[in-house]
PDB file of all heavy atoms in Angstrom:
ATOM      1  N   ALA A   1      14.426  14.950   4.394  1.00  0.00           N
ATOM      2  CA  ALA A   1      14.041  14.622   3.048  1.00  0.00           C
ATOM      3  C   ALA A   1      14.370  13.188   2.745  1.00  0.00           C
ATOM      4  O   ALA A   1      13.585  12.434   2.094  1.00  0.00           O
ATOM      5  CB  ALA A   1      14.753  15.542   2.038  1.00  0.00           C
ATOM      6  N   ILE A   2      15.559  12.689   3.213  1.00  0.00           N
ATOM      7  CA  ILE A   2      15.937  11.325   2.944  1.00  0.00           C
ATOM      8  C   ILE A   2      15.030  10.384   3.737  1.00  0.00           C
ATOM      9  O   ILE A   2      14.598   9.319   3.192  1.00  0.00           O
ATOM     10  CB  ILE A   2      17.394  11.081   3.388  1.00  0.00           C
ATOM     11  CG1 ILE A   2      18.337  11.948   2.413  1.00  0.00           C
ATOM     12  CG2 ILE A   2      17.757   9.686   3.273  1.00  0.00           C
ATOM     13  CD1 ILE A   2      18.248  11.560   0.952  1.00  0.00           C
ATOM     14  N   ALA A   3      14.652  10.825   4.936  1.00  0.00           N
ATOM     15  CA  ALA A   3      13.767   9.940   5.792  1.00  0.00           C
ATOM     16  C   ALA A   3      12.386   9.789   5.139  1.00  0.00           C
ATOM     17  O   ALA A   3      11.859   8.735   5.039  1.00  0.00           O
ATOM     18  CB  ALA A   3      13.588  10.511   7.166  1.00  0.00           C
ATOM     19  N   LEU A   4      11.923  10.912   4.583  1.00  0.00           N
ATOM     20  CA  LEU A   4      10.583  10.908   3.909  1.00  0.00           C
ATOM     21  C   LEU A   4      10.692  10.075   2.666  1.00  0.00           C
ATOM     22  O   LEU A   4       9.741   9.296   2.359  1.00  0.00           O
ATOM     23  CB  LEU A   4      10.129  12.307   3.599  1.00  0.00           C
ATOM     24  CG  LEU A   4       8.732  12.408   2.901  1.00  0.00           C
ATOM     25  CD1 LEU A   4       7.702  11.808   3.762  1.00  0.00           C
ATOM     26  CD2 LEU A   4       8.444  13.814   2.564  1.00  0.00           C
ATOM     27  N   LEU A   5      11.808  10.098   1.940  1.00  0.00           N
ATOM     28  CA  LEU A   5      11.985   9.336   0.732  1.00  0.00           C
ATOM     29  C   LEU A   5      11.865   7.804   1.079  1.00  0.00           C
ATOM     30  O   LEU A   5      11.227   7.034   0.397  1.00  0.00           O
ATOM     31  CB  LEU A   5      13.240   9.666  -0.018  1.00  0.00           C
ATOM     32  CG  LEU A   5      13.574   8.889  -1.260  1.00  0.00           C
ATOM     33  CD1 LEU A   5      12.504   9.143  -2.278  1.00  0.00           C
ATOM     34  CD2 LEU A   5      14.926   9.297  -1.874  1.00  0.00           C
ATOM     35  N   GLY A   6      12.609   7.390   2.125  1.00  0.00           N
ATOM     36  CA  GLY A   6      12.551   5.996   2.541  1.00  0.00           C
ATOM     37  C   GLY A   6      11.187   5.563   2.954  1.00  0.00           C
ATOM     38  O   GLY A   6      10.693   4.499   2.518  1.00  0.00           O
ATOM     39  N   ASN A   7      10.432   6.427   3.682  1.00  0.00           N
ATOM     40  CA  ASN A   7       9.118   6.134   4.074  1.00  0.00           C
ATOM     41  C   ASN A   7       8.181   6.018   2.939  1.00  0.00           C
ATOM     42  O   ASN A   7       7.314   5.147   2.757  1.00  0.00           O
ATOM     43  CB  ASN A   7       8.620   7.244   5.027  1.00  0.00           C
ATOM     44  CG  ASN A   7       7.429   6.913   5.846  1.00  0.00           C
ATOM     45  OD1 ASN A   7       6.686   7.803   6.175  1.00  0.00           O
ATOM     46  ND2 ASN A   7       7.193   5.671   6.165  1.00  0.00           N
ATOM     47  N   THR A   8       8.372   6.897   1.922  1.00  0.00           N
ATOM     48  CA  THR A   8       7.637   6.870   0.701  1.00  0.00           C
ATOM     49  C   THR A   8       7.728   5.630  -0.133  1.00  0.00           C
ATOM     50  O   THR A   8       6.751   4.967  -0.518  1.00  0.00           O
ATOM     51  CB  THR A   8       8.009   8.089  -0.171  1.00  0.00           C
ATOM     52  OG1 THR A   8       7.757   9.276   0.572  1.00  0.00           O
ATOM     53  CG2 THR A   8       7.193   8.140  -1.502  1.00  0.00           C
ATOM     54  N   LEU A   9       9.000   5.306  -0.395  1.00  0.00           N
ATOM     55  CA  LEU A   9       9.296   4.123  -1.207  1.00  0.00           C
ATOM     56  C   LEU A   9       8.647   2.800  -0.597  1.00  0.00           C
ATOM     57  O   LEU A   9       8.130   1.984  -1.320  1.00  0.00           O
ATOM     58  CB  LEU A   9      10.786   3.992  -1.491  1.00  0.00           C
ATOM     59  CG  LEU A   9      11.428   5.058  -2.280  1.00  0.00           C
ATOM     60  CD1 LEU A   9      12.933   4.843  -2.332  1.00  0.00           C
ATOM     61  CD2 LEU A   9      10.869   5.099  -3.684  1.00  0.00           C
ATOM     62  N   ALA A  10       8.807   2.653   0.679  1.00  0.00           N
ATOM     63  CA  ALA A  10       8.354   1.469   1.334  1.00  0.00           C
ATOM     64  C   ALA A  10       6.825   1.431   1.338  1.00  0.00           C
ATOM     65  O   ALA A  10       6.224   0.364   1.001  1.00  0.00           O
ATOM     66  CB  ALA A  10       8.846   1.451   2.767  1.00  0.00           C
ATOM     67  N   THR A  11       6.178   2.577   1.588  1.00  0.00           N
ATOM     68  CA  THR A  11       4.708   2.574   1.562  1.00  0.00           C
ATOM     69  C   THR A  11       4.131   2.270   0.197  1.00  0.00           C
ATOM     70  O   THR A  11       3.164   1.497   0.044  1.00  0.00           O
ATOM     71  CB  THR A  11       4.235   3.935   2.127  1.00  0.00           C
ATOM     72  OG1 THR A  11       4.736   4.158   3.408  1.00  0.00           O
ATOM     73  CG2 THR A  11       2.703   3.929   2.126  1.00  0.00           C
ATOM     74  N   GLY A  12       4.644   2.949  -0.810  1.00  0.00           N
ATOM     75  CA  GLY A  12       4.156   2.687  -2.200  1.00  0.00           C
ATOM     76  C   GLY A  12       4.375   1.237  -2.607  1.00  0.00           C
ATOM     77  O   GLY A  12       3.509   0.600  -3.234  1.00  0.00           O
ATOM     78  N   ALA A  13       5.482   0.648  -2.222  1.00  0.00           N
ATOM     79  CA  ALA A  13       5.799  -0.725  -2.600  1.00  0.00           C
ATOM     80  C   ALA A  13       4.883  -1.720  -1.949  1.00  0.00           C
ATOM     81  O   ALA A  13       4.257  -2.583  -2.564  1.00  0.00           O
ATOM     82  CB  ALA A  13       7.210  -1.045  -2.232  1.00  0.00           C
ATOM     83  N   ILE A  14       4.689  -1.539  -0.643  1.00  0.00           N
ATOM     84  CA  ILE A  14       3.777  -2.450   0.097  1.00  0.00           C
ATOM     85  C   ILE A  14       2.350  -2.329  -0.369  1.00  0.00           C
ATOM     86  O   ILE A  14       1.603  -3.366  -0.460  1.00  0.00           O
ATOM     87  CB  ILE A  14       3.945  -2.233   1.654  1.00  0.00           C
ATOM     88  CG1 ILE A  14       3.339  -3.492   2.388  1.00  0.00           C
ATOM     89  CG2 ILE A  14       3.143  -1.072   2.106  1.00  0.00           C
ATOM     90  CD1 ILE A  14       4.252  -4.693   2.248  1.00  0.00           C
ATOM     91  N   LEU A  15       1.869  -1.127  -0.666  1.00  0.00           N
ATOM     92  CA  LEU A  15       0.570  -0.981  -1.182  1.00  0.00           C
ATOM     93  C   LEU A  15       0.303  -1.798  -2.487  1.00  0.00           C
ATOM     94  O   LEU A  15      -0.701  -2.516  -2.650  1.00  0.00           O
ATOM     95  CB  LEU A  15       0.255   0.464  -1.492  1.00  0.00           C
ATOM     96  CG  LEU A  15      -0.382   1.245  -0.326  1.00  0.00           C
ATOM     97  CD1 LEU A  15      -0.447   2.791  -0.627  1.00  0.00           C
ATOM     98  CD2 LEU A  15      -1.771   0.738   0.015  1.00  0.00           C
ATOM     99  N   ALA A  16       1.243  -1.712  -3.393  1.00  0.00           N
ATOM    100  CA  ALA A  16       1.131  -2.442  -4.703  1.00  0.00           C
ATOM    101  C   ALA A  16       1.060  -3.955  -4.386  1.00  0.00           C
ATOM    102  O   ALA A  16       0.289  -4.671  -5.007  1.00  0.00           O
ATOM    103  CB  ALA A  16       2.314  -2.101  -5.583  1.00  0.00           C
ATOM    104  N   VAL A  17       1.924  -4.464  -3.530  1.00  0.00           N
ATOM    105  CA  VAL A  17       2.014  -5.861  -3.215  1.00  0.00           C
ATOM    106  C   VAL A  17       0.684  -6.310  -2.591  1.00  0.00           C
ATOM    107  O   VAL A  17       0.120  -7.319  -2.978  1.00  0.00           O
ATOM    108  CB  VAL A  17       3.184  -6.179  -2.290  1.00  0.00           C
ATOM    109  CG1 VAL A  17       3.163  -7.624  -1.801  1.00  0.00           C
ATOM    110  CG2 VAL A  17       4.520  -5.945  -3.035  1.00  0.00           C
ATOM    111  N   LEU A  18       0.246  -5.614  -1.571  1.00  0.00           N
ATOM    112  CA  LEU A  18      -0.883  -6.038  -0.840  1.00  0.00           C
ATOM    113  C   LEU A  18      -2.186  -6.050  -1.720  1.00  0.00           C
ATOM    114  O   LEU A  18      -3.030  -6.887  -1.501  1.00  0.00           O
ATOM    115  CB  LEU A  18      -1.125  -5.113   0.420  1.00  0.00           C
ATOM    116  CG  LEU A  18      -0.073  -5.253   1.522  1.00  0.00           C
ATOM    117  CD1 LEU A  18      -0.239  -4.143   2.518  1.00  0.00           C
ATOM    118  CD2 LEU A  18      -0.081  -6.660   2.137  1.00  0.00           C
ATOM    119  N   ILE A  19      -2.358  -5.022  -2.518  1.00  0.00           N
ATOM    120  CA  ILE A  19      -3.506  -4.904  -3.397  1.00  0.00           C
ATOM    121  C   ILE A  19      -3.479  -6.042  -4.411  1.00  0.00           C
ATOM    122  O   ILE A  19      -4.517  -6.678  -4.703  1.00  0.00           O
ATOM    123  CB  ILE A  19      -3.563  -3.551  -4.109  1.00  0.00           C
ATOM    124  CG1 ILE A  19      -3.817  -2.446  -3.092  1.00  0.00           C
ATOM    125  CG2 ILE A  19      -4.660  -3.524  -5.174  1.00  0.00           C
ATOM    126  CD1 ILE A  19      -3.713  -1.016  -3.583  1.00  0.00           C
ATOM    127  N   ALA A  20      -2.286  -6.345  -5.005  1.00  0.00           N
ATOM    128  CA  ALA A  20      -2.248  -7.451  -5.928  1.00  0.00           C
ATOM    129  C   ALA A  20      -2.535  -8.783  -5.320  1.00  0.00           C
ATOM    130  O   ALA A  20      -3.226  -9.619  -5.894  1.00  0.00           O
ATOM    131  CB  ALA A  20      -0.823  -7.480  -6.550  1.00  0.00           C
ATOM    132  N   MET A  21      -2.078  -8.938  -4.084  1.00  0.00           N
ATOM    133  CA  MET A  21      -2.298 -10.157  -3.397  1.00  0.00           C
ATOM    134  C   MET A  21      -3.677 -10.324  -2.765  1.00  0.00           C
ATOM    135  O   MET A  21      -4.215 -11.488  -2.842  1.00  0.00           O
ATOM    136  CB  MET A  21      -1.237 -10.265  -2.210  1.00  0.00           C
ATOM    137  CG  MET A  21      -1.277 -11.523  -1.340  1.00  0.00           C
ATOM    138  SD  MET A  21       0.099 -11.620  -0.185  1.00  0.00           S
ATOM    139  CE  MET A  21      -0.236 -10.243   0.882  1.00  0.00           C
ATOM    140  N   LEU A  22      -4.227  -9.359  -2.221  1.00  0.00           N
ATOM    141  CA  LEU A  22      -5.449  -9.443  -1.447  1.00  0.00           C
ATOM    142  C   LEU A  22      -6.746  -8.904  -2.175  1.00  0.00           C
ATOM    143  O   LEU A  22      -7.855  -9.086  -1.759  1.00  0.00           O
ATOM    144  CB  LEU A  22      -5.356  -8.813  -0.136  1.00  0.00           C
ATOM    145  CG  LEU A  22      -4.196  -9.452   0.765  1.00  0.00           C
ATOM    146  CD1 LEU A  22      -3.972  -8.648   2.059  1.00  0.00           C
ATOM    147  CD2 LEU A  22      -4.598 -10.944   1.112  1.00  0.00           C
ATOM    148  N   GLY A  23      -6.476  -8.105  -3.223  1.00  0.00           N
ATOM    149  CA  GLY A  23      -7.541  -7.493  -4.010  1.00  0.00           C
ATOM    150  C   GLY A  23      -8.631  -8.422  -4.476  1.00  0.00           C
ATOM    151  O   GLY A  23      -9.833  -8.164  -4.274  1.00  0.00           O
ATOM    152  N   PRO A  24      -8.251  -9.595  -5.003  1.00  0.00           N
ATOM    153  CA  PRO A  24      -9.289 -10.543  -5.436  1.00  0.00           C
ATOM    154  C   PRO A  24     -10.117 -11.167  -4.317  1.00  0.00           C
ATOM    155  O   PRO A  24     -11.147 -11.703  -4.573  1.00  0.00           O
ATOM    156  CB  PRO A  24      -8.400 -11.692  -6.127  1.00  0.00           C
ATOM    157  CG  PRO A  24      -7.130 -10.955  -6.488  1.00  0.00           C
ATOM    158  CD  PRO A  24      -6.884 -10.002  -5.406  1.00  0.00           C
ATOM    159  N   ILE A  25      -9.657 -11.004  -3.006  1.00  0.00           N
ATOM    160  CA  ILE A  25     -10.423 -11.567  -1.943  1.00  0.00           C
ATOM    161  C   ILE A  25     -11.338 -10.501  -1.349  1.00  0.00           C
ATOM    162  O   ILE A  25     -12.565 -10.834  -1.243  1.00  0.00           O
ATOM    163  CB  ILE A  25      -9.436 -12.166  -0.896  1.00  0.00           C
ATOM    164  CG1 ILE A  25      -8.541 -13.254  -1.493  1.00  0.00           C
ATOM    165  CG2 ILE A  25     -10.276 -12.720   0.303  1.00  0.00           C
ATOM    166  CD1 ILE A  25      -7.494 -13.681  -0.508  1.00  0.00           C
ATOM    167  N   SER A  26     -10.836  -9.402  -1.003  1.00  0.00           N
ATOM    168  CA  SER A  26     -11.659  -8.480  -0.278  1.00  0.00           C
ATOM    169  C   SER A  26     -11.825  -7.110  -0.985  1.00  0.00           C
ATOM    170  O   SER A  26     -12.645  -6.275  -0.547  1.00  0.00           O
ATOM    171  CB  SER A  26     -11.019  -8.158   1.081  1.00  0.00           C
ATOM    172  OG  SER A  26      -9.833  -7.405   0.954  1.00  0.00           O
ATOM    173  N   GLY A  27     -11.143  -6.915  -2.087  1.00  0.00           N
ATOM    174  CA  GLY A  27     -11.123  -5.675  -2.680  1.00  0.00           C
ATOM    175  C   GLY A  27      -9.924  -4.811  -2.285  1.00  0.00           C
ATOM    176  O   GLY A  27      -9.731  -3.747  -2.836  1.00  0.00           O
ATOM    177  N   ALA A  28      -9.305  -5.231  -1.196  1.00  0.00           N
ATOM    178  CA  ALA A  28      -8.109  -4.588  -0.704  1.00  0.00           C
ATOM    179  C   ALA A  28      -8.334  -3.097  -0.357  1.00  0.00           C
ATOM    180  O   ALA A  28      -7.645  -2.231  -0.916  1.00  0.00           O
ATOM    181  CB  ALA A  28      -6.886  -4.688  -1.747  1.00  0.00           C
ATOM    182  N   HIS A  29      -9.273  -2.857   0.474  1.00  0.00           N
ATOM    183  CA  HIS A  29      -9.546  -1.485   0.890  1.00  0.00           C
ATOM    184  C   HIS A  29      -8.520  -0.907   1.837  1.00  0.00           C
ATOM    185  O   HIS A  29      -7.839   0.019   1.551  1.00  0.00           O
ATOM    186  CB  HIS A  29     -10.933  -1.405   1.595  1.00  0.00           C
ATOM    187  CG  HIS A  29     -12.089  -1.730   0.710  1.00  0.00           C
ATOM    188  ND1 HIS A  29     -13.367  -1.541   1.097  1.00  0.00           N
ATOM    189  CD2 HIS A  29     -12.186  -2.294  -0.501  1.00  0.00           C
ATOM    190  CE1 HIS A  29     -14.244  -1.962   0.166  1.00  0.00           C
ATOM    191  NE2 HIS A  29     -13.517  -2.476  -0.796  1.00  0.00           N
ATOM    192  N   PHE A  30      -8.347  -1.584   2.993  1.00  0.00           N
ATOM    193  CA  PHE A  30      -7.419  -1.219   4.043  1.00  0.00           C
ATOM    194  C   PHE A  30      -7.627   0.245   4.495  1.00  0.00           C
ATOM    195  O   PHE A  30      -6.664   0.880   5.002  1.00  0.00           O
ATOM    196  CB  PHE A  30      -5.964  -1.362   3.554  1.00  0.00           C
ATOM    197  CG  PHE A  30      -5.735  -2.586   2.772  1.00  0.00           C
ATOM    198  CD1 PHE A  30      -4.867  -2.635   1.667  1.00  0.00           C
ATOM    199  CD2 PHE A  30      -6.285  -3.872   3.182  1.00  0.00           C
ATOM    200  CE1 PHE A  30      -4.597  -3.811   0.979  1.00  0.00           C
ATOM    201  CE2 PHE A  30      -6.007  -5.036   2.450  1.00  0.00           C
ATOM    202  CZ  PHE A  30      -5.178  -4.948   1.337  1.00  0.00           C
ATOM    203  N   ASN A  31      -8.774   0.840   4.212  1.00  0.00           N
ATOM    204  CA  ASN A  31      -8.953   2.253   4.385  1.00  0.00           C
ATOM    205  C   ASN A  31     -10.436   2.577   4.485  1.00  0.00           C
ATOM    206  O   ASN A  31     -11.163   2.316   3.517  1.00  0.00           O
ATOM    207  CB  ASN A  31      -8.362   2.946   3.147  1.00  0.00           C
ATOM    208  CG  ASN A  31      -8.377   4.448   3.172  1.00  0.00           C
ATOM    209  OD1 ASN A  31      -9.192   5.045   3.868  1.00  0.00           O
ATOM    210  ND2 ASN A  31      -7.576   5.055   2.365  1.00  0.00           N
ATOM    211  N   PRO A  32     -10.933   3.138   5.561  1.00  0.00           N
ATOM    212  CA  PRO A  32     -12.334   3.447   5.721  1.00  0.00           C
ATOM    213  C   PRO A  32     -12.877   4.375   4.575  1.00  0.00           C
ATOM    214  O   PRO A  32     -14.059   4.377   4.254  1.00  0.00           O
ATOM    215  CB  PRO A  32     -12.429   4.104   7.087  1.00  0.00           C
ATOM    216  CG  PRO A  32     -11.285   3.534   7.832  1.00  0.00           C
ATOM    217  CD  PRO A  32     -10.192   3.358   6.802  1.00  0.00           C
ATOM    218  N   ALA A  33     -11.964   5.282   4.105  1.00  0.00           N
ATOM    219  CA  ALA A  33     -12.434   6.212   3.070  1.00  0.00           C
ATOM    220  C   ALA A  33     -12.748   5.489   1.765  1.00  0.00           C
ATOM    221  O   ALA A  33     -13.677   5.738   1.050  1.00  0.00           O
ATOM    222  CB  ALA A  33     -11.344   7.285   2.780  1.00  0.00           C
ATOM    223  N   VAL A  34     -11.948   4.436   1.462  1.00  0.00           N
ATOM    224  CA  VAL A  34     -12.211   3.604   0.322  1.00  0.00           C
ATOM    225  C   VAL A  34     -13.443   2.775   0.505  1.00  0.00           C
ATOM    226  O   VAL A  34     -14.313   2.627  -0.363  1.00  0.00           O
ATOM    227  CB  VAL A  34     -10.982   2.704   0.024  1.00  0.00           C
ATOM    228  CG1 VAL A  34     -11.280   1.728  -1.096  1.00  0.00           C
ATOM    229  CG2 VAL A  34      -9.765   3.476  -0.322  1.00  0.00           C
TER     230      VAL A  34
END
């Protein structure tokens, strides 16, 4: 549970940063489903 929590917090944080930083350039998909 603690391991999953650490993985969760890091992933959510990096997504917010990357989308804010790169969204205006490419739309920040990073995901074939998107």
